[in-house]
Amino acid sequence: MSFFSNFQSDKCPGNITGNPLNGMCEKVCIQAQKIFDACIKQVQIENYTLTLTDMVPANPTYPLTFISARSVTSKVTVSDLNVDRLADKPGCARVQAKVTIPVEVVYTDANGTEGVADAEITVSEDVLLFVPAPSIMPYSVVAQASAVCTEGVFDAQNNTFTVNACVTVILKIAIDVELLVPSYGYCAIPPAQDYSKEVCAGFFELPLYPQGKNCSCK
């Protein structure tokens, strides 16, 4: 079972039915990342050069044929950060940064052997965000991102791929805080339900021996 597989308990996440105050029992202090502001940008990048590293298997036979490239994690690197508070917009700032997105590239070599390699896509962000007032605990500019490339051409001279990429970047202003929130208490954790293809379903449900009255054939 899981929270969402017919587990009946009022101590698990899900839709609220009835009075939302029913069962609320305490105020608790939790450690969390508070997001003060965030924005999303989706762009298409054309003719981007992917430099391949950590190729598996090593030393493929060139030329390579592109299959795909995509993110395998939402963790990215934020660099060259500049935050410029705007005097005419209190609380607002111009945030400039570079976001580097790791991608996994899949290809086949000249022998038809499939391989994978690591690469990176870097995009520049220049956006307006709310930035909280100075405090003892500093804010951070963090990001999540995803990229996918469905078309690519191999550059035999530089051993790179030239691709068109679809990129989504979420930029956030965040601080790790101790937050006071209402609570219903601890979650009730349901027992695990092992996955099974149920290949014997319909067979094990049969009676062990034939059922019904004996009859004679005339």
N, C-alpha and C. Protein backbone atom coordinates (compact mmCIF):
# COMPACT_ATOMS: atom_id res chain seq x y z
N MET A 1 0.84 -1.19 0.00
CA MET A 1 0.00 0.00 0.00
C MET A 1 0.88 1.25 0.00
N SER A 2 0.23 2.39 -0.16
CA SER A 2 0.89 3.68 -0.05
C SER A 2 -0.17 4.67 0.42
N PHE A 3 0.19 5.95 0.54
CA PHE A 3 -0.78 6.95 0.94
C PHE A 3 -2.00 6.97 0.01
N PHE A 4 -1.78 6.61 -1.26
CA PHE A 4 -2.84 6.79 -2.26
C PHE A 4 -3.33 5.47 -2.84
N SER A 5 -3.21 4.38 -2.10
CA SER A 5 -3.70 3.09 -2.59
C SER A 5 -4.65 2.48 -1.56
N ASN A 6 -5.77 3.14 -1.38
CA ASN A 6 -6.85 2.64 -0.53
C ASN A 6 -6.42 2.45 0.93
N PHE A 7 -5.54 3.34 1.40
CA PHE A 7 -5.14 3.31 2.81
C PHE A 7 -6.02 4.29 3.57
N GLN A 8 -6.81 3.78 4.48
CA GLN A 8 -7.80 4.60 5.18
C GLN A 8 -7.24 5.11 6.50
N SER A 9 -6.94 6.40 6.55
CA SER A 9 -6.47 7.03 7.78
C SER A 9 -6.60 8.53 7.64
N ASP A 10 -6.95 9.20 8.75
CA ASP A 10 -7.00 10.66 8.72
C ASP A 10 -5.64 11.26 9.04
N LYS A 11 -4.60 10.42 9.14
CA LYS A 11 -3.25 10.86 9.45
C LYS A 11 -2.33 10.68 8.25
N CYS A 12 -2.86 10.91 7.05
CA CYS A 12 -2.02 10.82 5.86
C CYS A 12 -2.41 11.92 4.90
N PRO A 13 -1.51 12.30 3.97
CA PRO A 13 -1.82 13.39 3.04
C PRO A 13 -2.92 13.01 2.07
N GLY A 14 -3.61 14.02 1.57
CA GLY A 14 -4.69 13.79 0.62
C GLY A 14 -5.65 14.96 0.63
N ASN A 15 -6.75 14.81 -0.07
CA ASN A 15 -7.76 15.86 -0.12
C ASN A 15 -8.42 16.05 1.24
N ILE A 16 -8.78 17.29 1.57
CA ILE A 16 -9.47 17.59 2.82
C ILE A 16 -10.96 17.42 2.61
N THR A 17 -11.58 16.67 3.48
CA THR A 17 -13.05 16.55 3.47
C THR A 17 -13.57 17.01 4.82
N GLY A 18 -14.66 17.75 4.81
CA GLY A 18 -15.22 18.25 6.06
C GLY A 18 -14.47 19.46 6.58
N ASN A 19 -14.49 19.64 7.88
CA ASN A 19 -13.88 20.79 8.53
C ASN A 19 -12.35 20.64 8.54
N PRO A 20 -11.61 21.56 7.90
CA PRO A 20 -10.15 21.43 7.88
C PRO A 20 -9.50 21.58 9.24
N LEU A 21 -10.22 22.13 10.23
CA LEU A 21 -9.66 22.25 11.59
C LEU A 21 -9.80 20.97 12.39
N ASN A 22 -10.61 20.03 11.89
CA ASN A 22 -10.81 18.78 12.62
C ASN A 22 -9.52 17.96 12.65
N GLY A 23 -9.03 17.63 13.82
CA GLY A 23 -7.81 16.85 13.96
C GLY A 23 -6.56 17.68 14.13
N MET A 24 -6.64 18.99 13.89
CA MET A 24 -5.47 19.85 14.09
C MET A 24 -5.17 19.91 15.58
N CYS A 25 -3.92 19.60 15.94
CA CYS A 25 -3.64 19.40 17.36
C CYS A 25 -2.50 20.23 17.91
N GLU A 26 -1.67 20.84 17.09
CA GLU A 26 -0.53 21.58 17.63
C GLU A 26 0.06 22.53 16.60
N LYS A 27 0.90 23.42 17.09
CA LYS A 27 1.75 24.23 16.23
C LYS A 27 3.16 23.67 16.32
N VAL A 28 3.78 23.41 15.18
CA VAL A 28 5.10 22.80 15.19
C VAL A 28 6.09 23.68 14.45
N CYS A 29 7.35 23.58 14.86
CA CYS A 29 8.43 24.30 14.21
C CYS A 29 9.14 23.32 13.28
N ILE A 30 9.15 23.64 11.99
CA ILE A 30 9.83 22.77 11.03
C ILE A 30 10.93 23.56 10.33
N GLN A 31 11.96 22.84 9.91
CA GLN A 31 13.01 23.48 9.13
C GLN A 31 12.66 23.31 7.67
N ALA A 32 12.60 24.42 6.95
CA ALA A 32 12.16 24.36 5.56
C ALA A 32 12.83 25.48 4.77
N GLN A 33 12.74 25.34 3.47
CA GLN A 33 13.24 26.39 2.59
C GLN A 33 12.05 27.26 2.18
N LYS A 34 12.04 28.49 2.65
CA LYS A 34 10.96 29.41 2.31
C LYS A 34 11.29 30.12 1.00
N ILE A 35 10.35 30.05 0.06
CA ILE A 35 10.54 30.70 -1.23
C ILE A 35 9.86 32.06 -1.20
N PHE A 36 10.65 33.12 -1.29
CA PHE A 36 10.11 34.48 -1.23
C PHE A 36 9.59 34.93 -2.60
N ASP A 37 10.20 34.42 -3.66
CA ASP A 37 9.71 34.75 -5.00
C ASP A 37 10.28 33.71 -5.97
N ALA A 38 9.62 33.56 -7.10
CA ALA A 38 10.07 32.60 -8.11
C ALA A 38 9.49 32.99 -9.45
N CYS A 39 10.17 32.59 -10.51
CA CYS A 39 9.66 32.80 -11.85
C CYS A 39 10.14 31.67 -12.75
N ILE A 40 9.41 31.45 -13.83
CA ILE A 40 9.74 30.38 -14.77
C ILE A 40 9.95 30.97 -16.15
N LYS A 41 10.94 30.44 -16.86
CA LYS A 41 11.19 30.86 -18.23
C LYS A 41 11.40 29.62 -19.08
N GLN A 42 10.73 29.58 -20.23
CA GLN A 42 10.86 28.48 -21.17
C GLN A 42 11.32 29.04 -22.51
N VAL A 43 12.45 28.51 -23.00
CA VAL A 43 13.03 29.04 -24.23
C VAL A 43 13.46 27.89 -25.13
N GLN A 44 13.51 28.17 -26.42
CA GLN A 44 14.08 27.25 -27.39
C GLN A 44 15.41 27.81 -27.86
N ILE A 45 16.46 27.01 -27.71
CA ILE A 45 17.80 27.43 -28.10
C ILE A 45 18.20 26.66 -29.35
N GLU A 46 18.61 27.39 -30.37
CA GLU A 46 18.99 26.75 -31.64
C GLU A 46 20.50 26.77 -31.81
N ASN A 47 21.00 25.69 -32.43
CA ASN A 47 22.42 25.57 -32.80
C ASN A 47 23.34 25.70 -31.58
N TYR A 48 22.98 24.99 -30.53
CA TYR A 48 23.81 24.99 -29.31
C TYR A 48 24.81 23.84 -29.42
N THR A 49 26.05 24.10 -29.03
CA THR A 49 27.10 23.10 -29.12
C THR A 49 27.24 22.33 -27.81
N LEU A 50 27.08 21.01 -27.88
CA LEU A 50 27.27 20.14 -26.72
C LEU A 50 28.65 19.51 -26.79
N THR A 51 29.46 19.76 -25.76
CA THR A 51 30.77 19.14 -25.65
C THR A 51 30.64 17.89 -24.79
N LEU A 52 31.05 16.74 -25.31
CA LEU A 52 30.84 15.47 -24.64
C LEU A 52 31.98 15.15 -23.68
N THR A 53 31.62 14.64 -22.49
CA THR A 53 32.61 14.18 -21.51
C THR A 53 32.14 12.84 -20.93
N ASP A 54 33.06 12.11 -20.32
CA ASP A 54 32.75 10.85 -19.63
C ASP A 54 31.95 9.91 -20.52
N MET A 55 32.48 9.63 -21.69
CA MET A 55 31.78 8.80 -22.66
C MET A 55 31.83 7.32 -22.25
N VAL A 56 30.67 6.65 -22.35
CA VAL A 56 30.55 5.23 -22.02
C VAL A 56 29.83 4.52 -23.16
N PRO A 57 30.48 3.52 -23.82
CA PRO A 57 31.87 3.08 -23.59
C PRO A 57 32.87 4.12 -24.09
N ALA A 58 34.07 4.04 -23.53
CA ALA A 58 35.12 4.98 -23.92
C ALA A 58 35.61 4.67 -25.34
N ASN A 59 36.16 5.68 -25.96
CA ASN A 59 36.78 5.54 -27.28
C ASN A 59 35.84 4.95 -28.33
N PRO A 60 34.71 5.61 -28.58
CA PRO A 60 33.80 5.12 -29.63
C PRO A 60 34.41 5.30 -31.01
N THR A 61 33.84 4.62 -31.98
CA THR A 61 34.28 4.75 -33.36
C THR A 61 33.50 5.88 -34.03
N TYR A 62 34.21 6.90 -34.46
CA TYR A 62 33.56 8.06 -35.07
C TYR A 62 33.26 7.79 -36.53
N PRO A 63 32.24 8.48 -37.11
CA PRO A 63 31.42 9.55 -36.53
C PRO A 63 30.28 8.99 -35.67
N LEU A 64 29.71 9.88 -34.87
CA LEU A 64 28.60 9.53 -33.99
C LEU A 64 27.27 9.98 -34.59
N THR A 65 26.23 9.26 -34.24
CA THR A 65 24.88 9.63 -34.67
C THR A 65 24.05 9.99 -33.45
N PHE A 66 23.49 11.18 -33.45
CA PHE A 66 22.72 11.68 -32.31
C PHE A 66 21.39 10.93 -32.18
N ILE A 67 21.05 10.56 -30.95
CA ILE A 67 19.74 9.97 -30.65
C ILE A 67 18.90 10.94 -29.83
N SER A 68 19.43 11.36 -28.67
CA SER A 68 18.69 12.29 -27.82
C SER A 68 19.61 12.87 -26.77
N ALA A 69 19.13 13.92 -26.13
CA ALA A 69 19.82 14.50 -24.97
C ALA A 69 18.77 15.10 -24.07
N ARG A 70 18.87 14.83 -22.78
CA ARG A 70 17.88 15.35 -21.85
C ARG A 70 18.46 15.39 -20.44
N SER A 71 17.79 16.17 -19.58
CA SER A 71 18.16 16.24 -18.17
C SER A 71 17.82 14.94 -17.48
N VAL A 72 18.66 14.54 -16.53
CA VAL A 72 18.35 13.39 -15.69
C VAL A 72 18.22 13.81 -14.23
N THR A 73 18.40 15.09 -13.95
CA THR A 73 18.22 15.65 -12.62
C THR A 73 17.82 17.11 -12.77
N SER A 74 17.09 17.63 -11.77
CA SER A 74 16.70 19.05 -11.80
C SER A 74 17.74 19.93 -11.11
N LYS A 75 18.80 19.32 -10.56
CA LYS A 75 19.85 20.09 -9.88
C LYS A 75 20.73 20.78 -10.90
N VAL A 76 20.92 22.08 -10.72
CA VAL A 76 21.71 22.87 -11.65
C VAL A 76 22.69 23.74 -10.88
N THR A 77 23.57 24.41 -11.62
CA THR A 77 24.55 25.31 -11.02
C THR A 77 24.23 26.75 -11.41
N VAL A 78 24.20 27.63 -10.40
CA VAL A 78 23.99 29.06 -10.63
C VAL A 78 25.33 29.77 -10.47
N SER A 79 25.74 30.54 -11.48
CA SER A 79 27.03 31.22 -11.44
C SER A 79 26.89 32.63 -11.98
N ASP A 80 27.97 33.40 -11.85
CA ASP A 80 28.00 34.80 -12.33
C ASP A 80 26.77 35.57 -11.86
N LEU A 81 26.46 35.41 -10.57
CA LEU A 81 25.25 36.02 -10.01
C LEU A 81 25.46 37.50 -9.71
N ASN A 82 24.47 38.30 -10.10
CA ASN A 82 24.48 39.73 -9.76
C ASN A 82 23.06 40.14 -9.41
N VAL A 83 22.90 40.72 -8.19
CA VAL A 83 21.59 41.18 -7.73
C VAL A 83 21.66 42.69 -7.53
N ASP A 84 20.84 43.39 -8.28
CA ASP A 84 20.86 44.86 -8.24
C ASP A 84 19.49 45.36 -7.79
N ARG A 85 19.41 45.82 -6.53
CA ARG A 85 18.14 46.33 -6.01
C ARG A 85 17.76 47.61 -6.74
N LEU A 86 16.45 47.75 -7.01
CA LEU A 86 15.96 48.88 -7.77
C LEU A 86 15.37 49.95 -6.84
N ALA A 87 15.91 51.15 -6.94
CA ALA A 87 15.47 52.23 -6.06
C ALA A 87 14.03 52.63 -6.33
N ASP A 88 13.58 52.52 -7.57
CA ASP A 88 12.23 52.94 -7.91
C ASP A 88 11.19 51.83 -7.69
N LYS A 89 11.64 50.63 -7.31
CA LYS A 89 10.74 49.51 -7.04
C LYS A 89 11.17 48.84 -5.74
N PRO A 90 10.74 49.37 -4.60
CA PRO A 90 11.18 48.83 -3.31
C PRO A 90 10.89 47.33 -3.20
N GLY A 91 11.89 46.59 -2.73
CA GLY A 91 11.75 45.15 -2.56
C GLY A 91 12.04 44.36 -3.82
N CYS A 92 12.17 45.07 -4.94
CA CYS A 92 12.39 44.39 -6.21
C CYS A 92 13.84 44.56 -6.64
N ALA A 93 14.36 43.55 -7.35
CA ALA A 93 15.74 43.60 -7.78
C ALA A 93 15.88 42.96 -9.16
N ARG A 94 16.88 43.45 -9.88
CA ARG A 94 17.26 42.80 -11.14
C ARG A 94 18.23 41.68 -10.81
N VAL A 95 17.89 40.48 -11.20
CA VAL A 95 18.72 39.31 -10.90
C VAL A 95 19.28 38.77 -12.21
N GLN A 96 20.60 38.76 -12.29
CA GLN A 96 21.29 38.24 -13.46
C GLN A 96 22.13 37.03 -13.05
N ALA A 97 22.08 35.97 -13.83
CA ALA A 97 22.83 34.77 -13.48
C ALA A 97 22.94 33.87 -14.70
N LYS A 98 23.90 32.96 -14.62
CA LYS A 98 24.01 31.89 -15.60
C LYS A 98 23.59 30.59 -14.92
N VAL A 99 22.77 29.83 -15.60
CA VAL A 99 22.28 28.55 -15.08
C VAL A 99 22.82 27.44 -15.98
N THR A 100 23.59 26.54 -15.36
CA THR A 100 24.20 25.44 -16.12
C THR A 100 23.45 24.15 -15.81
N ILE A 101 22.95 23.52 -16.88
CA ILE A 101 22.08 22.35 -16.76
C ILE A 101 22.82 21.11 -17.26
N PRO A 102 23.03 20.10 -16.41
CA PRO A 102 23.65 18.86 -16.89
C PRO A 102 22.66 18.04 -17.70
N VAL A 103 23.13 17.46 -18.81
CA VAL A 103 22.28 16.60 -19.64
C VAL A 103 23.04 15.32 -19.97
N GLU A 104 22.27 14.27 -20.24
CA GLU A 104 22.83 13.00 -20.69
C GLU A 104 22.56 12.86 -22.18
N VAL A 105 23.61 12.62 -22.94
CA VAL A 105 23.51 12.51 -24.40
C VAL A 105 23.59 11.04 -24.79
N VAL A 106 22.64 10.60 -25.61
CA VAL A 106 22.61 9.22 -26.11
C VAL A 106 22.90 9.25 -27.60
N TYR A 107 23.76 8.34 -28.07
CA TYR A 107 24.17 8.32 -29.47
C TYR A 107 24.55 6.89 -29.87
N THR A 108 24.77 6.69 -31.13
CA THR A 108 25.38 5.45 -31.63
C THR A 108 26.64 5.82 -32.39
N ASP A 109 27.65 4.93 -32.32
CA ASP A 109 28.88 5.20 -33.05
C ASP A 109 28.82 4.57 -34.44
N ALA A 110 29.93 4.62 -35.18
CA ALA A 110 29.95 4.15 -36.56
C ALA A 110 29.70 2.66 -36.67
N ASN A 111 29.91 1.91 -35.57
CA ASN A 111 29.66 0.47 -35.56
C ASN A 111 28.25 0.12 -35.11
N GLY A 112 27.44 1.15 -34.82
CA GLY A 112 26.08 0.91 -34.36
C GLY A 112 25.98 0.65 -32.87
N THR A 113 27.09 0.84 -32.13
CA THR A 113 27.10 0.63 -30.68
C THR A 113 26.54 1.86 -29.98
N GLU A 114 25.55 1.65 -29.11
CA GLU A 114 24.96 2.78 -28.40
C GLU A 114 25.86 3.22 -27.26
N GLY A 115 25.97 4.52 -27.06
CA GLY A 115 26.77 5.07 -25.97
C GLY A 115 26.08 6.26 -25.34
N VAL A 116 26.59 6.64 -24.18
CA VAL A 116 26.08 7.81 -23.47
C VAL A 116 27.26 8.69 -23.05
N ALA A 117 26.99 9.96 -22.89
CA ALA A 117 28.01 10.91 -22.44
C ALA A 117 27.34 12.03 -21.68
N ASP A 118 28.16 12.74 -20.91
CA ASP A 118 27.67 13.90 -20.17
C ASP A 118 27.94 15.17 -20.98
N ALA A 119 27.06 16.15 -20.80
CA ALA A 119 27.26 17.46 -21.42
C ALA A 119 26.53 18.49 -20.58
N GLU A 120 26.68 19.76 -20.93
CA GLU A 120 26.04 20.85 -20.19
C GLU A 120 25.45 21.87 -21.14
N ILE A 121 24.32 22.43 -20.71
CA ILE A 121 23.70 23.55 -21.42
C ILE A 121 23.65 24.73 -20.45
N THR A 122 24.20 25.86 -20.85
CA THR A 122 24.22 27.05 -20.00
C THR A 122 23.37 28.14 -20.62
N VAL A 123 22.45 28.68 -19.83
CA VAL A 123 21.58 29.77 -20.29
C VAL A 123 21.75 30.97 -19.36
N SER A 124 21.52 32.14 -19.89
CA SER A 124 21.63 33.39 -19.11
C SER A 124 20.24 33.85 -18.70
N GLU A 125 20.12 34.26 -17.44
CA GLU A 125 18.87 34.78 -16.90
C GLU A 125 19.04 36.25 -16.53
N ASP A 126 18.04 37.05 -16.85
CA ASP A 126 18.04 38.47 -16.51
C ASP A 126 16.59 38.84 -16.21
N VAL A 127 16.21 38.76 -14.91
CA VAL A 127 14.80 38.85 -14.53
C VAL A 127 14.61 39.79 -13.35
N LEU A 128 13.36 40.16 -13.10
CA LEU A 128 12.99 40.93 -11.92
C LEU A 128 12.36 40.01 -10.89
N LEU A 129 12.84 40.07 -9.64
CA LEU A 129 12.31 39.25 -8.56
C LEU A 129 12.23 40.07 -7.28
N PHE A 130 11.31 39.67 -6.39
CA PHE A 130 11.28 40.27 -5.06
C PHE A 130 12.43 39.70 -4.25
N VAL A 131 13.17 40.57 -3.58
CA VAL A 131 14.29 40.15 -2.73
C VAL A 131 14.03 40.70 -1.33
N PRO A 132 14.00 39.86 -0.29
CA PRO A 132 13.68 40.34 1.05
C PRO A 132 14.73 41.31 1.58
N ALA A 133 14.32 42.08 2.57
CA ALA A 133 15.22 43.06 3.20
C ALA A 133 16.39 42.33 3.85
N PRO A 134 17.54 43.01 4.02
CA PRO A 134 18.70 42.39 4.65
C PRO A 134 18.37 41.83 6.03
N SER A 135 18.92 40.65 6.32
CA SER A 135 18.72 40.00 7.62
C SER A 135 19.98 39.24 7.98
N ILE A 136 20.01 38.73 9.23
CA ILE A 136 21.18 37.96 9.66
C ILE A 136 21.38 36.75 8.76
N MET A 137 20.30 36.03 8.48
CA MET A 137 20.37 34.88 7.59
C MET A 137 20.21 35.36 6.14
N PRO A 138 21.20 35.12 5.30
CA PRO A 138 21.13 35.64 3.94
C PRO A 138 20.23 34.79 3.05
N TYR A 139 19.69 35.43 2.04
CA TYR A 139 18.91 34.70 1.04
C TYR A 139 19.86 34.05 0.03
N SER A 140 19.32 33.12 -0.73
CA SER A 140 20.07 32.48 -1.80
C SER A 140 19.26 32.55 -3.09
N VAL A 141 19.95 32.64 -4.20
CA VAL A 141 19.31 32.51 -5.50
C VAL A 141 19.55 31.08 -5.97
N VAL A 142 18.48 30.32 -6.06
CA VAL A 142 18.59 28.91 -6.44
C VAL A 142 17.76 28.68 -7.69
N ALA A 143 18.01 27.56 -8.34
CA ALA A 143 17.30 27.29 -9.59
C ALA A 143 17.05 25.80 -9.74
N GLN A 144 16.01 25.50 -10.48
CA GLN A 144 15.74 24.17 -10.99
C GLN A 144 15.55 24.30 -12.49
N ALA A 145 15.95 23.28 -13.23
CA ALA A 145 15.85 23.40 -14.68
C ALA A 145 15.76 22.03 -15.33
N SER A 146 15.27 22.05 -16.55
CA SER A 146 15.16 20.84 -17.35
C SER A 146 15.42 21.21 -18.80
N ALA A 147 16.06 20.28 -19.53
CA ALA A 147 16.34 20.53 -20.94
C ALA A 147 16.16 19.22 -21.71
N VAL A 148 15.70 19.35 -22.96
CA VAL A 148 15.55 18.19 -23.83
C VAL A 148 15.94 18.59 -25.25
N CYS A 149 16.64 17.70 -25.92
CA CYS A 149 17.05 17.92 -27.30
C CYS A 149 16.65 16.69 -28.11
N THR A 150 15.90 16.90 -29.16
CA THR A 150 15.45 15.77 -29.99
C THR A 150 16.17 15.72 -31.33
N GLU A 151 16.90 16.77 -31.68
CA GLU A 151 17.62 16.81 -32.94
C GLU A 151 19.05 17.24 -32.69
N GLY A 152 19.97 16.60 -33.39
CA GLY A 152 21.37 16.96 -33.23
C GLY A 152 22.20 16.50 -34.41
N VAL A 153 23.24 17.27 -34.74
CA VAL A 153 24.14 16.96 -35.85
C VAL A 153 25.56 16.86 -35.31
N PHE A 154 26.28 15.81 -35.72
CA PHE A 154 27.64 15.61 -35.23
C PHE A 154 28.62 16.48 -36.00
N ASP A 155 29.50 17.13 -35.25
CA ASP A 155 30.57 17.94 -35.82
C ASP A 155 31.85 17.11 -35.74
N ALA A 156 32.27 16.51 -36.86
CA ALA A 156 33.42 15.61 -36.86
C ALA A 156 34.72 16.34 -36.55
N GLN A 157 34.79 17.63 -36.87
CA GLN A 157 36.03 18.37 -36.64
C GLN A 157 36.31 18.57 -35.15
N ASN A 158 35.24 18.81 -34.36
CA ASN A 158 35.42 19.09 -32.93
C ASN A 158 34.88 17.98 -32.03
N ASN A 159 34.32 16.91 -32.64
CA ASN A 159 33.71 15.82 -31.87
C ASN A 159 32.65 16.34 -30.90
N THR A 160 31.76 17.18 -31.42
CA THR A 160 30.67 17.74 -30.63
C THR A 160 29.36 17.54 -31.38
N PHE A 161 28.26 17.79 -30.68
CA PHE A 161 26.95 17.79 -31.32
C PHE A 161 26.40 19.21 -31.34
N THR A 162 25.79 19.59 -32.44
CA THR A 162 25.05 20.85 -32.53
C THR A 162 23.58 20.51 -32.45
N VAL A 163 22.88 21.08 -31.46
CA VAL A 163 21.51 20.67 -31.17
C VAL A 163 20.59 21.87 -31.07
N ASN A 164 19.29 21.59 -31.16
CA ASN A 164 18.25 22.53 -30.78
C ASN A 164 17.67 22.05 -29.47
N ALA A 165 17.61 22.92 -28.47
CA ALA A 165 17.22 22.53 -27.12
C ALA A 165 15.99 23.27 -26.65
N CYS A 166 15.12 22.55 -25.93
CA CYS A 166 13.98 23.16 -25.24
C CYS A 166 14.33 23.20 -23.75
N VAL A 167 14.37 24.40 -23.19
CA VAL A 167 14.88 24.58 -21.83
C VAL A 167 13.83 25.26 -20.96
N THR A 168 13.64 24.72 -19.75
CA THR A 168 12.78 25.33 -18.73
C THR A 168 13.63 25.63 -17.51
N VAL A 169 13.59 26.87 -17.03
CA VAL A 169 14.35 27.29 -15.85
C VAL A 169 13.41 27.94 -14.86
N ILE A 170 13.47 27.50 -13.60
CA ILE A 170 12.75 28.14 -12.49
C ILE A 170 13.79 28.77 -11.58
N LEU A 171 13.73 30.08 -11.44
CA LEU A 171 14.66 30.82 -10.58
C LEU A 171 13.92 31.24 -9.32
N LYS A 172 14.59 31.06 -8.14
CA LYS A 172 13.92 31.31 -6.87
C LYS A 172 14.80 32.13 -5.94
N ILE A 173 14.13 32.91 -5.08
CA ILE A 173 14.79 33.58 -3.96
C ILE A 173 14.38 32.81 -2.70
N ALA A 174 15.35 32.22 -2.00
CA ALA A 174 15.02 31.30 -0.92
C ALA A 174 15.91 31.53 0.29
N ILE A 175 15.36 31.18 1.47
CA ILE A 175 16.12 31.18 2.72
C ILE A 175 15.72 29.93 3.51
N ASP A 176 16.69 29.24 4.09
CA ASP A 176 16.40 28.13 5.00
C ASP A 176 15.97 28.73 6.34
N VAL A 177 14.77 28.39 6.79
CA VAL A 177 14.20 29.01 7.99
C VAL A 177 13.61 27.96 8.91
N GLU A 178 13.33 28.37 10.15
CA GLU A 178 12.50 27.59 11.06
C GLU A 178 11.11 28.19 11.00
N LEU A 179 10.15 27.41 10.51
CA LEU A 179 8.83 27.91 10.19
C LEU A 179 7.80 27.30 11.14
N LEU A 180 6.91 28.13 11.68
CA LEU A 180 5.85 27.65 12.57
C LEU A 180 4.60 27.38 11.74
N VAL A 181 4.13 26.12 11.79
CA VAL A 181 2.98 25.74 10.97
C VAL A 181 2.01 24.92 11.82
N PRO A 182 0.71 24.95 11.47
CA PRO A 182 -0.26 24.08 12.16
C PRO A 182 -0.03 22.63 11.75
N SER A 183 -0.36 21.71 12.67
CA SER A 183 -0.07 20.30 12.41
C SER A 183 -1.22 19.41 12.84
N TYR A 184 -1.37 18.30 12.14
CA TYR A 184 -2.29 17.23 12.52
C TYR A 184 -1.57 16.09 13.22
N GLY A 185 -0.31 16.29 13.54
CA GLY A 185 0.48 15.23 14.16
C GLY A 185 1.28 14.46 13.13
N TYR A 186 1.85 13.35 13.56
CA TYR A 186 2.68 12.56 12.67
C TYR A 186 1.85 11.80 11.64
N CYS A 187 2.44 11.55 10.49
CA CYS A 187 1.78 10.77 9.45
C CYS A 187 1.69 9.31 9.87
N ALA A 188 0.60 8.67 9.47
CA ALA A 188 0.48 7.23 9.59
C ALA A 188 1.07 6.62 8.32
N ILE A 189 2.11 5.81 8.45
CA ILE A 189 2.79 5.24 7.30
C ILE A 189 2.19 3.87 6.97
N PRO A 190 1.62 3.69 5.79
CA PRO A 190 0.99 2.41 5.45
C PRO A 190 2.04 1.34 5.16
N PRO A 191 1.70 0.07 5.35
CA PRO A 191 2.62 -1.00 5.00
C PRO A 191 2.83 -1.05 3.49
N ALA A 192 4.02 -1.47 3.07
CA ALA A 192 4.33 -1.54 1.65
C ALA A 192 3.56 -2.67 0.98
N GLN A 193 3.19 -2.44 -0.26
CA GLN A 193 2.55 -3.46 -1.07
C GLN A 193 3.51 -3.85 -2.17
N ASP A 194 4.01 -5.09 -2.15
CA ASP A 194 4.95 -5.55 -3.16
C ASP A 194 4.31 -5.55 -4.54
N TYR A 195 5.09 -5.13 -5.55
CA TYR A 195 4.59 -5.15 -6.91
C TYR A 195 4.55 -6.58 -7.42
N SER A 196 3.49 -6.91 -8.12
CA SER A 196 3.36 -8.24 -8.72
C SER A 196 2.58 -8.11 -10.01
N LYS A 197 3.02 -8.87 -11.01
CA LYS A 197 2.31 -8.88 -12.29
C LYS A 197 1.04 -9.72 -12.23
N GLU A 198 0.87 -10.46 -11.12
CA GLU A 198 -0.32 -11.30 -10.96
C GLU A 198 -0.47 -12.27 -12.13
N VAL A 199 0.66 -12.94 -12.45
CA VAL A 199 0.62 -13.86 -13.59
C VAL A 199 -0.27 -15.07 -13.31
N CYS A 200 -0.51 -15.36 -12.03
CA CYS A 200 -1.34 -16.52 -11.68
C CYS A 200 -2.77 -16.11 -11.34
N ALA A 201 -3.09 -14.81 -11.52
CA ALA A 201 -4.46 -14.36 -11.23
C ALA A 201 -5.43 -15.14 -12.08
N GLY A 202 -6.52 -15.57 -11.48
CA GLY A 202 -7.52 -16.36 -12.19
C GLY A 202 -7.29 -17.85 -12.05
N PHE A 203 -6.02 -18.22 -11.80
CA PHE A 203 -5.73 -19.65 -11.61
C PHE A 203 -5.80 -20.02 -10.14
N PHE A 204 -5.15 -19.21 -9.30
CA PHE A 204 -5.17 -19.52 -7.86
C PHE A 204 -6.55 -19.35 -7.26
N GLU A 205 -7.43 -18.60 -7.96
CA GLU A 205 -8.78 -18.42 -7.44
C GLU A 205 -9.68 -19.62 -7.73
N LEU A 206 -9.25 -20.56 -8.55
CA LEU A 206 -10.04 -21.74 -8.84
C LEU A 206 -10.13 -22.63 -7.60
N PRO A 207 -11.21 -23.36 -7.42
CA PRO A 207 -11.28 -24.30 -6.30
C PRO A 207 -10.24 -25.40 -6.46
N LEU A 208 -9.78 -25.93 -5.32
CA LEU A 208 -8.75 -26.96 -5.37
C LEU A 208 -9.26 -28.21 -6.09
N TYR A 209 -10.53 -28.56 -5.82
CA TYR A 209 -11.14 -29.72 -6.47
C TYR A 209 -12.44 -29.29 -7.15
N PRO A 210 -12.91 -30.06 -8.12
CA PRO A 210 -14.17 -29.70 -8.78
C PRO A 210 -15.30 -29.56 -7.80
N GLN A 211 -16.15 -28.59 -8.02
CA GLN A 211 -17.29 -28.32 -7.15
C GLN A 211 -18.57 -28.79 -7.85
N GLY A 212 -19.63 -28.98 -7.07
CA GLY A 212 -20.90 -29.35 -7.64
C GLY A 212 -21.22 -30.82 -7.37
N LYS A 213 -22.44 -31.18 -7.62
CA LYS A 213 -22.89 -32.54 -7.35
C LYS A 213 -22.45 -33.48 -8.46
N ASN A 214 -22.23 -34.74 -8.05
CA ASN A 214 -21.92 -35.75 -9.04
C ASN A 214 -23.15 -36.03 -9.86
N CYS A 215 -22.97 -36.32 -11.11
CA CYS A 215 -24.10 -36.68 -11.94
C CYS A 215 -23.68 -37.82 -12.88
N SER A 216 -24.60 -38.49 -13.37
CA SER A 216 -24.29 -39.61 -14.28
C SER A 216 -24.58 -39.21 -15.70
N CYS A 217 -23.79 -39.75 -16.60
CA CYS A 217 -24.01 -39.48 -18.00
C CYS A 217 -24.80 -40.63 -18.59
N LYS A 218 -25.92 -40.34 -19.17
CA LYS A 218 -26.78 -41.39 -19.75
C LYS A 218 -26.80 -41.27 -21.26
